[in-house]
Amino acid sequence: MLLPHRATPLEVFMPGKLGLPEILLILAVALLIFGPSKLADLGKGLGEGIKNFKSSMKEDETPGEKKS
């Protein structure tokens, strides 16, 4: 017997999935709001943040090191 699917809070606020047209619309609106230079700065900052996060996660995984 299958139980009915119970919606998670995320599914309640975001029904469906994002496809290519929706992503393009979001990017176009962001470009209109922030402008090309500010959007490039935001992307650069996001990329650096992800890079720093990944490097800090790799540092935590290295065995044998003791932090003082």
N, C-alpha and C. Protein backbone atom coordinates (compact mmCIF):
# COMPACT_ATOMS: atom_id res chain seq x y z
N MET A 1 0.84 -1.18 0.00
CA MET A 1 0.00 0.00 0.00
C MET A 1 0.89 1.25 0.00
N LEU A 2 0.63 2.13 -0.93
CA LEU A 2 1.41 3.36 -1.04
C LEU A 2 0.75 4.46 -0.23
N LEU A 3 1.57 5.17 0.51
CA LEU A 3 1.07 6.31 1.27
C LEU A 3 1.07 7.54 0.39
N PRO A 4 0.14 8.47 0.62
CA PRO A 4 0.12 9.70 -0.21
C PRO A 4 1.35 10.54 0.07
N HIS A 5 1.80 11.24 -0.97
CA HIS A 5 2.98 12.10 -0.86
C HIS A 5 2.62 13.33 -0.04
N ARG A 6 3.44 13.61 0.96
CA ARG A 6 3.23 14.80 1.79
C ARG A 6 4.20 15.88 1.33
N ALA A 7 3.70 17.04 1.02
CA ALA A 7 4.52 18.12 0.49
C ALA A 7 5.43 18.68 1.57
N THR A 8 6.70 18.90 1.18
CA THR A 8 7.64 19.54 2.08
C THR A 8 7.40 21.05 2.04
N PRO A 9 7.91 21.79 3.03
CA PRO A 9 7.72 23.26 3.00
C PRO A 9 8.26 23.91 1.73
N LEU A 10 9.37 23.37 1.19
CA LEU A 10 9.93 23.93 -0.03
C LEU A 10 8.99 23.71 -1.21
N GLU A 11 8.36 22.56 -1.27
CA GLU A 11 7.42 22.27 -2.36
C GLU A 11 6.17 23.13 -2.27
N VAL A 12 5.82 23.54 -1.07
CA VAL A 12 4.64 24.40 -0.91
C VAL A 12 4.90 25.77 -1.52
N PHE A 13 6.09 26.30 -1.31
CA PHE A 13 6.40 27.65 -1.82
C PHE A 13 6.92 27.64 -3.25
N MET A 14 7.46 26.50 -3.72
CA MET A 14 8.00 26.43 -5.07
C MET A 14 7.42 25.23 -5.81
N PRO A 15 6.21 25.34 -6.29
CA PRO A 15 5.64 24.21 -7.01
C PRO A 15 6.31 24.06 -8.37
N GLY A 16 6.57 22.84 -8.78
CA GLY A 16 7.19 22.60 -10.07
C GLY A 16 8.69 22.74 -10.03
N LYS A 17 9.30 22.57 -11.19
CA LYS A 17 10.75 22.67 -11.30
C LYS A 17 11.10 23.85 -12.20
N LEU A 18 12.31 24.36 -12.04
CA LEU A 18 12.78 25.46 -12.88
C LEU A 18 13.36 24.89 -14.16
N GLY A 19 12.85 25.33 -15.26
CA GLY A 19 13.37 24.93 -16.55
C GLY A 19 14.20 26.05 -17.15
N LEU A 20 14.66 25.84 -18.36
CA LEU A 20 15.49 26.84 -19.03
C LEU A 20 14.77 28.18 -19.22
N PRO A 21 13.50 28.21 -19.63
CA PRO A 21 12.84 29.52 -19.78
C PRO A 21 12.74 30.30 -18.47
N GLU A 22 12.48 29.59 -17.37
CA GLU A 22 12.37 30.28 -16.09
C GLU A 22 13.72 30.83 -15.64
N ILE A 23 14.78 30.06 -15.84
CA ILE A 23 16.12 30.51 -15.46
C ILE A 23 16.52 31.72 -16.29
N LEU A 24 16.24 31.70 -17.59
CA LEU A 24 16.56 32.84 -18.45
C LEU A 24 15.78 34.08 -18.04
N LEU A 25 14.53 33.91 -17.65
CA LEU A 25 13.74 35.06 -17.19
C LEU A 25 14.32 35.64 -15.91
N ILE A 26 14.71 34.79 -14.97
CA ILE A 26 15.31 35.27 -13.73
C ILE A 26 16.61 36.02 -14.01
N LEU A 27 17.44 35.48 -14.91
CA LEU A 27 18.69 36.15 -15.25
C LEU A 27 18.45 37.49 -15.94
N ALA A 28 17.44 37.56 -16.79
CA ALA A 28 17.12 38.81 -17.47
C ALA A 28 16.65 39.88 -16.48
N VAL A 29 15.82 39.49 -15.54
CA VAL A 29 15.35 40.44 -14.52
C VAL A 29 16.52 40.90 -13.65
N ALA A 30 17.40 39.97 -13.28
CA ALA A 30 18.57 40.34 -12.47
C ALA A 30 19.47 41.30 -13.24
N LEU A 31 19.62 41.09 -14.53
CA LEU A 31 20.43 41.97 -15.36
C LEU A 31 19.82 43.37 -15.42
N LEU A 32 18.51 43.44 -15.52
CA LEU A 32 17.84 44.74 -15.56
C LEU A 32 17.96 45.46 -14.21
N ILE A 33 17.87 44.72 -13.13
CA ILE A 33 17.90 45.35 -11.81
C ILE A 33 19.31 45.80 -11.44
N PHE A 34 20.31 44.92 -11.60
CA PHE A 34 21.66 45.20 -11.11
C PHE A 34 22.56 45.83 -12.16
N GLY A 35 22.33 45.57 -13.42
CA GLY A 35 23.21 46.06 -14.46
C GLY A 35 24.37 45.09 -14.68
N PRO A 36 25.01 45.17 -15.84
CA PRO A 36 26.04 44.19 -16.18
C PRO A 36 27.26 44.21 -15.27
N SER A 37 27.73 45.40 -14.87
CA SER A 37 28.95 45.44 -14.06
C SER A 37 28.70 44.92 -12.65
N LYS A 38 27.58 45.31 -12.05
CA LYS A 38 27.26 44.85 -10.70
C LYS A 38 26.99 43.35 -10.70
N LEU A 39 26.35 42.84 -11.75
CA LEU A 39 26.07 41.41 -11.85
C LEU A 39 27.37 40.62 -11.98
N ALA A 40 28.34 41.16 -12.71
CA ALA A 40 29.64 40.51 -12.84
C ALA A 40 30.36 40.48 -11.49
N ASP A 41 30.27 41.57 -10.74
CA ASP A 41 30.89 41.62 -9.41
C ASP A 41 30.23 40.61 -8.46
N LEU A 42 28.90 40.49 -8.54
CA LEU A 42 28.20 39.53 -7.71
C LEU A 42 28.61 38.10 -8.05
N GLY A 43 28.75 37.81 -9.34
CA GLY A 43 29.18 36.49 -9.77
C GLY A 43 30.60 36.17 -9.32
N LYS A 44 31.46 37.16 -9.41
CA LYS A 44 32.85 36.98 -8.99
C LYS A 44 32.91 36.72 -7.48
N GLY A 45 32.17 37.48 -6.72
CA GLY A 45 32.13 37.29 -5.27
C GLY A 45 31.57 35.93 -4.89
N LEU A 46 30.54 35.50 -5.60
CA LEU A 46 29.95 34.19 -5.33
C LEU A 46 30.94 33.08 -5.65
N GLY A 47 31.65 33.21 -6.77
CA GLY A 47 32.65 32.21 -7.14
C GLY A 47 33.79 32.13 -6.13
N GLU A 48 34.25 33.28 -5.66
CA GLU A 48 35.32 33.29 -4.66
C GLU A 48 34.84 32.69 -3.34
N GLY A 49 33.60 32.95 -2.98
CA GLY A 49 33.05 32.38 -1.76
C GLY A 49 32.97 30.87 -1.82
N ILE A 50 32.53 30.35 -2.96
CA ILE A 50 32.45 28.89 -3.14
C ILE A 50 33.84 28.29 -3.12
N LYS A 51 34.80 28.95 -3.77
CA LYS A 51 36.17 28.44 -3.78
C LYS A 51 36.75 28.40 -2.37
N ASN A 52 36.54 29.46 -1.58
CA ASN A 52 37.03 29.49 -0.20
C ASN A 52 36.35 28.42 0.65
N PHE A 53 35.07 28.20 0.43
CA PHE A 53 34.35 27.18 1.19
C PHE A 53 34.89 25.80 0.88
N LYS A 54 35.11 25.51 -0.39
CA LYS A 54 35.65 24.20 -0.77
C LYS A 54 37.04 23.98 -0.22
N SER A 55 37.88 25.01 -0.27
CA SER A 55 39.25 24.85 0.25
C SER A 55 39.24 24.66 1.76
N SER A 56 38.34 25.33 2.47
CA SER A 56 38.28 25.14 3.92
C SER A 56 37.74 23.76 4.27
N MET A 57 36.84 23.22 3.44
CA MET A 57 36.33 21.87 3.68
C MET A 57 37.44 20.85 3.45
N LYS A 58 38.29 21.07 2.45
CA LYS A 58 39.40 20.15 2.19
C LYS A 58 40.43 20.21 3.32
N GLU A 59 40.66 21.39 3.88
CA GLU A 59 41.59 21.53 5.00
C GLU A 59 41.10 20.76 6.22
N ASP A 60 39.80 20.75 6.45
CA ASP A 60 39.24 20.03 7.58
C ASP A 60 39.32 18.52 7.40
N GLU A 61 39.37 18.04 6.16
CA GLU A 61 39.40 16.61 5.89
C GLU A 61 40.79 16.00 5.98
N THR A 62 41.84 16.82 5.95
CA THR A 62 43.19 16.26 5.96
C THR A 62 43.49 15.64 7.31
N PRO A 63 43.82 14.34 7.33
CA PRO A 63 44.06 13.66 8.60
C PRO A 63 45.47 13.97 9.13
N GLY A 64 45.65 13.85 10.43
CA GLY A 64 46.96 13.99 11.04
C GLY A 64 47.32 15.39 11.46
N GLU A 65 46.58 16.38 11.05
CA GLU A 65 46.89 17.76 11.44
C GLU A 65 46.13 18.11 12.69
N LYS A 66 46.82 18.76 13.61
CA LYS A 66 46.18 19.23 14.83
C LYS A 66 46.17 20.75 14.83
N LYS A 67 45.00 21.29 15.05
CA LYS A 67 44.87 22.75 15.08
C LYS A 67 45.03 23.21 16.52
N SER A 68 45.80 24.25 16.72
CA SER A 68 46.01 24.76 18.09
C SER A 68 45.36 26.11 18.29
